[in-house]
Protein backbone atom coordinates (compact mmCIF):
# COMPACT_ATOMS: atom_id res chain seq x y z
CA UNK A 1 10.57 -2.65 86.42
CA UNK A 2 10.93 -5.24 89.19
CA UNK A 3 13.98 -5.69 91.41
CA UNK A 4 14.39 -8.90 93.42
CA UNK A 5 15.75 -8.75 96.96
CA UNK A 6 17.15 -11.86 98.64
CA UNK A 7 19.08 -10.28 101.52
CA UNK A 8 19.17 -7.22 103.77
CA UNK A 9 20.83 -5.16 101.08
CA UNK A 10 20.85 -1.38 100.70
CA UNK A 11 17.32 -1.31 99.28
CA UNK A 12 15.98 -3.35 102.18
CA UNK A 13 17.77 -1.14 104.70
CA UNK A 14 16.19 1.90 103.07
CA UNK A 15 12.72 0.41 103.59
CA UNK A 16 13.58 -0.15 107.24
CA UNK A 17 14.68 3.44 107.84
CA UNK A 18 11.58 4.77 106.07
CA UNK A 19 9.62 3.03 108.81
CA UNK A 20 11.79 4.06 111.75
CA UNK A 21 13.84 7.16 110.96
CA UNK A 22 12.13 10.52 110.62
CA UNK A 23 15.17 12.33 109.21
CA UNK A 24 15.74 9.67 106.55
CA UNK A 25 12.09 9.86 105.50
CA UNK A 26 12.51 13.54 104.73
CA UNK A 27 15.87 12.97 103.08
CA UNK A 28 14.24 10.59 100.60
CA UNK A 29 10.91 12.45 100.49
CA UNK A 30 9.15 9.11 100.91
CA UNK A 31 7.24 7.17 103.54
CA UNK A 32 6.19 3.59 104.15
CA UNK A 33 2.58 2.41 103.90
CA UNK A 34 1.08 -0.89 104.95
CA UNK A 35 -2.48 -2.19 105.11
CA UNK A 36 -5.24 -2.61 102.55
CA UNK A 37 -7.23 0.45 103.66
CA UNK A 38 -4.19 2.72 103.67
CA UNK A 39 -2.85 1.54 100.32
CA UNK A 40 -6.30 1.90 98.77
CA UNK A 41 -6.53 5.38 100.27
CA UNK A 42 -3.19 6.38 98.78
CA UNK A 43 -4.14 5.09 95.33
CA UNK A 44 -7.65 6.57 95.36
CA UNK A 45 -6.33 9.86 96.74
CA UNK A 46 -3.94 10.27 93.83
CA UNK A 47 -0.75 10.00 95.88
CA UNK A 48 2.40 9.09 93.96
CA UNK A 49 3.17 5.42 94.59
CA UNK A 50 6.86 4.99 93.92
CA UNK A 51 7.15 1.29 94.73
CA UNK A 52 5.22 -1.78 95.77
CA UNK A 53 6.83 -4.52 97.85
CA UNK A 54 5.60 -8.11 97.70
CA UNK A 55 6.68 -11.74 97.56
CA UNK A 56 5.96 -14.46 95.04
CA UNK A 57 6.57 -17.21 97.58
CA UNK A 58 2.90 -16.99 98.52
CA UNK A 59 -0.09 -16.46 96.22
CA UNK A 60 -1.21 -12.84 95.94
CA UNK A 61 -4.85 -11.85 96.15
CA UNK A 62 -6.73 -10.45 93.17
CA UNK A 63 -6.60 -7.05 94.87
CA UNK A 64 -2.80 -7.10 95.05
CA UNK A 65 -2.38 -8.41 91.51
CA UNK A 66 -4.70 -5.70 90.17
CA UNK A 67 -2.73 -2.94 91.88
CA UNK A 68 0.57 -4.30 90.60
CA UNK A 69 -0.87 -4.40 87.10
CA UNK A 70 -2.60 -1.01 87.04
CA UNK A 71 -0.79 1.44 89.35
CA UNK A 72 2.16 3.21 87.76
CA UNK A 73 5.34 3.07 89.87
CA UNK A 74 9.03 3.81 89.39
CA UNK A 75 10.18 0.34 90.47
CA UNK A 76 8.63 -2.57 92.35
CA UNK A 77 10.47 -4.94 94.68
CA UNK A 78 9.99 -8.67 94.97
CA UNK A 79 11.26 -9.87 98.36
CA UNK A 80 11.57 -13.22 100.05
CA UNK A 81 8.79 -14.13 102.46
CA UNK A 82 11.08 -13.81 105.54
CA UNK A 83 12.16 -10.32 104.47
CA UNK A 84 8.52 -9.28 103.98
CA UNK A 85 7.73 -10.62 107.46
CA UNK A 86 10.60 -8.64 108.94
CA UNK A 87 9.36 -5.41 107.37
CA UNK A 88 5.71 -5.93 108.19
CA UNK A 89 4.26 -4.34 111.30
CA UNK A 90 1.47 -6.92 111.43
CA UNK A 91 1.14 -10.33 113.05
CA UNK A 92 0.02 -11.70 109.71
CA UNK A 93 2.49 -10.34 107.18
CA UNK A 94 0.98 -7.91 104.70
CA UNK A 95 0.98 -9.24 101.16
CA UNK A 96 1.59 -5.78 99.72
CA UNK A 97 3.42 -2.73 101.07
CA UNK A 98 4.11 0.58 99.40
CA UNK A 99 6.61 3.41 99.32
CA UNK A 100 4.78 6.69 98.72
CA UNK A 101 6.09 10.16 97.87
CA UNK A 102 5.52 12.96 100.37
CA UNK A 103 3.55 16.00 99.31
CA UNK A 104 4.96 19.55 99.58
CA UNK A 105 4.39 21.55 102.76
CA UNK A 106 2.73 24.52 101.13
CA UNK A 107 -0.30 26.14 102.78
CA UNK A 108 -1.29 27.76 99.49
CA UNK A 109 -1.93 24.29 98.05
CA UNK A 110 -4.71 23.50 100.52
CA UNK A 111 -7.87 23.16 98.37
CA UNK A 112 -10.42 25.40 100.08
CA UNK A 113 -14.17 25.68 99.38
CA UNK A 114 -16.29 28.81 99.68
CA UNK A 115 -16.81 28.26 103.41
CA UNK A 116 -13.73 26.48 104.76
CA UNK A 117 -13.19 24.85 108.12
CA UNK A 118 -9.51 24.28 108.89
CA UNK A 119 -7.85 22.73 111.92
CA UNK A 120 -4.45 23.59 113.40
CA UNK A 121 -2.75 21.18 115.80
CA UNK A 122 0.01 22.89 117.76
CA UNK A 123 3.01 20.72 118.74
CA UNK A 124 1.28 17.34 118.64
CA UNK A 125 3.16 14.95 120.90
CA UNK A 126 1.22 11.70 120.52
CA UNK A 127 1.04 9.65 117.31
CA UNK A 128 -2.31 8.13 118.15
CA UNK A 129 -3.87 11.52 118.83
CA UNK A 130 -2.67 12.87 115.51
CA UNK A 131 -4.00 9.84 113.66
CA UNK A 132 -7.34 10.10 115.47
CA UNK A 133 -7.57 13.81 114.65
CA UNK A 134 -6.97 13.07 110.97
CA UNK A 135 -9.79 10.55 111.12
CA UNK A 136 -12.11 13.08 112.78
CA UNK A 137 -11.20 15.74 110.22
CA UNK A 138 -12.10 13.28 107.49
CA UNK A 139 -15.31 12.07 109.11
CA UNK A 140 -16.62 15.53 110.02
CA UNK A 141 -15.65 17.39 106.88
CA UNK A 142 -12.67 19.54 107.83
CA UNK A 143 -10.96 20.94 104.77
CA UNK A 144 -7.37 20.64 105.95
CA UNK A 145 -5.01 20.17 108.88
CA UNK A 146 -2.05 22.39 109.75
CA UNK A 147 0.70 21.06 112.02
CA UNK A 148 3.00 23.44 113.88
CA UNK A 149 6.06 23.39 116.10
CA UNK A 150 8.23 20.46 117.11
CA UNK A 151 5.70 17.65 116.82
CA UNK A 152 5.37 13.96 116.06
CA UNK A 153 6.01 13.19 112.42
CA UNK A 154 2.98 13.38 110.16
CA UNK A 155 4.41 10.50 108.09
CA UNK A 156 5.15 8.19 111.01
CA UNK A 157 3.68 4.72 110.29
CA UNK A 158 1.81 4.77 113.62
CA UNK A 159 0.08 8.03 112.65
CA UNK A 160 -0.95 6.59 109.30
CA UNK A 161 -2.23 3.33 110.81
CA UNK A 162 -4.20 5.08 113.57
CA UNK A 163 -5.88 7.34 111.00
CA UNK A 164 -7.58 4.24 109.53
CA UNK A 165 -7.04 5.43 105.96
CA UNK A 166 -8.12 9.04 106.57
CA UNK A 167 -4.51 10.21 106.29
CA UNK A 168 -4.81 10.08 102.50
CA UNK A 169 -8.10 12.01 102.35
CA UNK A 170 -7.29 15.01 104.57
CA UNK A 171 -4.89 17.60 103.13
CA UNK A 172 -2.26 18.18 105.82
CA UNK A 173 0.60 20.67 105.83
CA UNK A 174 3.44 21.21 108.29
CA UNK A 175 3.97 24.95 108.84
CA UNK A 176 7.63 25.96 109.04
CA UNK A 177 7.04 28.42 111.91
CA UNK A 178 4.33 30.44 113.62
CA UNK A 179 4.90 33.47 111.39
CA UNK A 180 4.02 31.33 108.39
CA UNK A 181 0.71 30.51 110.05
CA UNK A 182 -0.06 34.14 110.88
CA UNK A 183 0.67 35.23 107.31
CA UNK A 184 -1.65 32.51 106.03
CA UNK A 185 -4.39 33.57 108.46
CA UNK A 186 -4.15 37.14 107.18
CA UNK A 187 -4.53 35.87 103.62
CA UNK A 188 -7.63 33.94 104.68
CA UNK A 189 -9.11 37.00 106.40
CA UNK A 190 -8.74 38.96 103.17
CA UNK A 191 -10.14 36.14 101.06
CA UNK A 192 -13.07 35.21 103.34
CA UNK A 193 -15.01 38.06 104.98
CA UNK A 194 -15.91 37.10 108.52
CA UNK A 195 -13.12 34.53 108.82
CA UNK A 196 -12.58 33.63 112.49
CA UNK A 197 -9.86 31.90 114.48
CA UNK A 198 -11.08 30.01 117.53
CA UNK A 199 -8.69 28.47 120.04
CA UNK A 200 -9.31 25.73 122.56
CA UNK A 201 -8.57 25.87 126.24
CA UNK A 202 -9.28 23.66 129.25
CA UNK A 203 -9.87 26.75 131.39
CA UNK A 204 -13.35 28.19 131.75
CA UNK A 205 -13.82 30.47 128.78
CA UNK A 206 -16.59 30.99 126.24
CA UNK A 207 -18.68 27.79 125.86
CA UNK A 208 -18.26 26.24 122.43
CA UNK A 209 -22.00 25.85 121.86
CA UNK A 210 -22.47 29.61 122.24
CA UNK A 211 -20.29 30.37 119.21
CA UNK A 212 -21.46 30.79 115.64
CA UNK A 213 -19.44 28.17 113.76
CA UNK A 214 -21.25 28.40 110.44
CA UNK A 215 -18.82 30.81 108.75
CA UNK A 216 -15.23 30.39 107.51
CA UNK A 217 -13.18 29.12 110.41
CA UNK A 218 -9.83 27.96 111.75
CA UNK A 219 -9.88 25.84 114.92
CA UNK A 220 -6.63 25.89 116.88
CA UNK A 221 -6.00 22.78 118.98
CA UNK A 222 -3.23 22.86 121.59
CA UNK A 223 -0.52 20.45 122.67
CA UNK A 224 -1.70 17.53 124.84
CA UNK A 225 0.11 18.81 127.95
CA UNK A 226 0.61 22.55 127.53
CA UNK A 227 -2.28 23.59 125.31
CA UNK A 228 -1.85 26.33 122.73
CA UNK A 229 1.35 28.35 122.80
CA UNK A 230 1.06 31.97 123.93
CA UNK A 231 1.43 33.36 120.40
CA UNK A 232 -1.49 31.33 119.07
CA UNK A 233 -3.66 32.20 122.06
CA UNK A 234 -3.02 35.85 121.35
CA UNK A 235 -3.80 35.34 117.68
CA UNK A 236 -7.24 33.83 118.31
CA UNK A 237 -10.42 35.84 117.97
CA UNK A 238 -11.78 33.88 120.90
CA UNK A 239 -10.78 31.04 123.21
CA UNK A 240 -13.48 28.42 123.69
CA UNK A 241 -14.02 25.56 126.06
CA UNK A 242 -16.16 22.45 126.05
CA UNK A 243 -18.29 22.66 129.19
CA UNK A 244 -17.98 19.60 131.40
CA UNK A 245 -20.77 18.09 133.47
CA UNK A 246 -21.26 19.69 136.88
CA UNK A 247 -20.55 16.34 138.51
CA UNK A 248 -17.41 15.70 136.45
CA UNK A 249 -14.05 15.11 138.10
CA UNK A 250 -12.33 15.44 134.71
CA UNK A 251 -11.04 18.92 133.96
CA UNK A 252 -10.76 18.38 130.22
CA UNK A 253 -10.98 15.90 127.38
CA UNK A 254 -8.17 14.12 125.61
CA UNK A 255 -7.02 16.47 122.83
CA UNK A 256 -8.27 14.23 120.02
CA UNK A 257 -11.64 13.85 121.76
CA UNK A 258 -11.90 17.61 122.28
CA UNK A 259 -11.12 18.30 118.62
CA UNK A 260 -13.73 15.74 117.57
CA UNK A 261 -16.38 17.40 119.75
CA UNK A 262 -15.53 20.80 118.25
CA UNK A 263 -15.66 19.51 114.69
CA UNK A 264 -18.98 17.81 115.39
CA UNK A 265 -20.41 21.10 116.65
CA UNK A 266 -19.18 22.84 113.49
CA UNK A 267 -20.78 20.12 111.37
CA UNK A 268 -24.02 20.24 113.38
CA UNK A 269 -24.40 24.01 113.15
CA UNK A 270 -23.62 24.09 109.45
CA UNK A 271 -26.13 21.33 108.74
CA UNK A 272 -28.83 23.26 110.62
CA UNK A 273 -28.00 26.53 108.88
CA UNK A 274 -28.28 24.93 105.45
CA UNK A 275 -31.83 23.67 106.01
CA UNK A 276 -34.56 25.58 104.16
């Protein structure tokens, strides 16, 4: 089914609020996706594509035509070129945009292997950092991301764009409250003998490279300004730090950089431990 839009009608206004209004996104259970890499990621990752948006006033590429022909949707929307330009967040208007269904926030749905590595980001306050962390989780093999507290919206278009497509490959769940996290951690401890929870801190604590990161693991990453909340610090088996150079004037890394370093060390140790 295709609906044609020639003005800023109710459908068009809905697309606008999906881009800009967090509360409306969750009311509809949908979010807005733009960009070839992100749309491909959503399709390849098996996300439910509810609608494609496009215009026939300009020729569509073979890529766009193929998606329109092969991807099952509820309804597609054919807009005028000016309306597409108004919706697009790019200098050169995207030829295809998508409305995608959110996935349920259920920790039990995280698909875990025999030796999981999970990441928790507590009260993320920067969209770019969250997107970068999703990209690092994807690139370094983390099995899932848990978001806690009052944080930037996981489904914000800036988060999705800054993840460079990794958003659709990393299972991510927003935890309703800290108690939900602690209950989940207890389930993981019962399921995986030796499961550990390591927290990050900018203060001098146990050096990261001195920890055994080869077993089942949850890395807790703190808020950009305040670090981990007190409850999560108390719930960690150990607080770790990334040692800085003796000559450094920096006291810590950007939170996304720190998380990337930690995930790299996990990946490095596990690769070494798996060698014959």
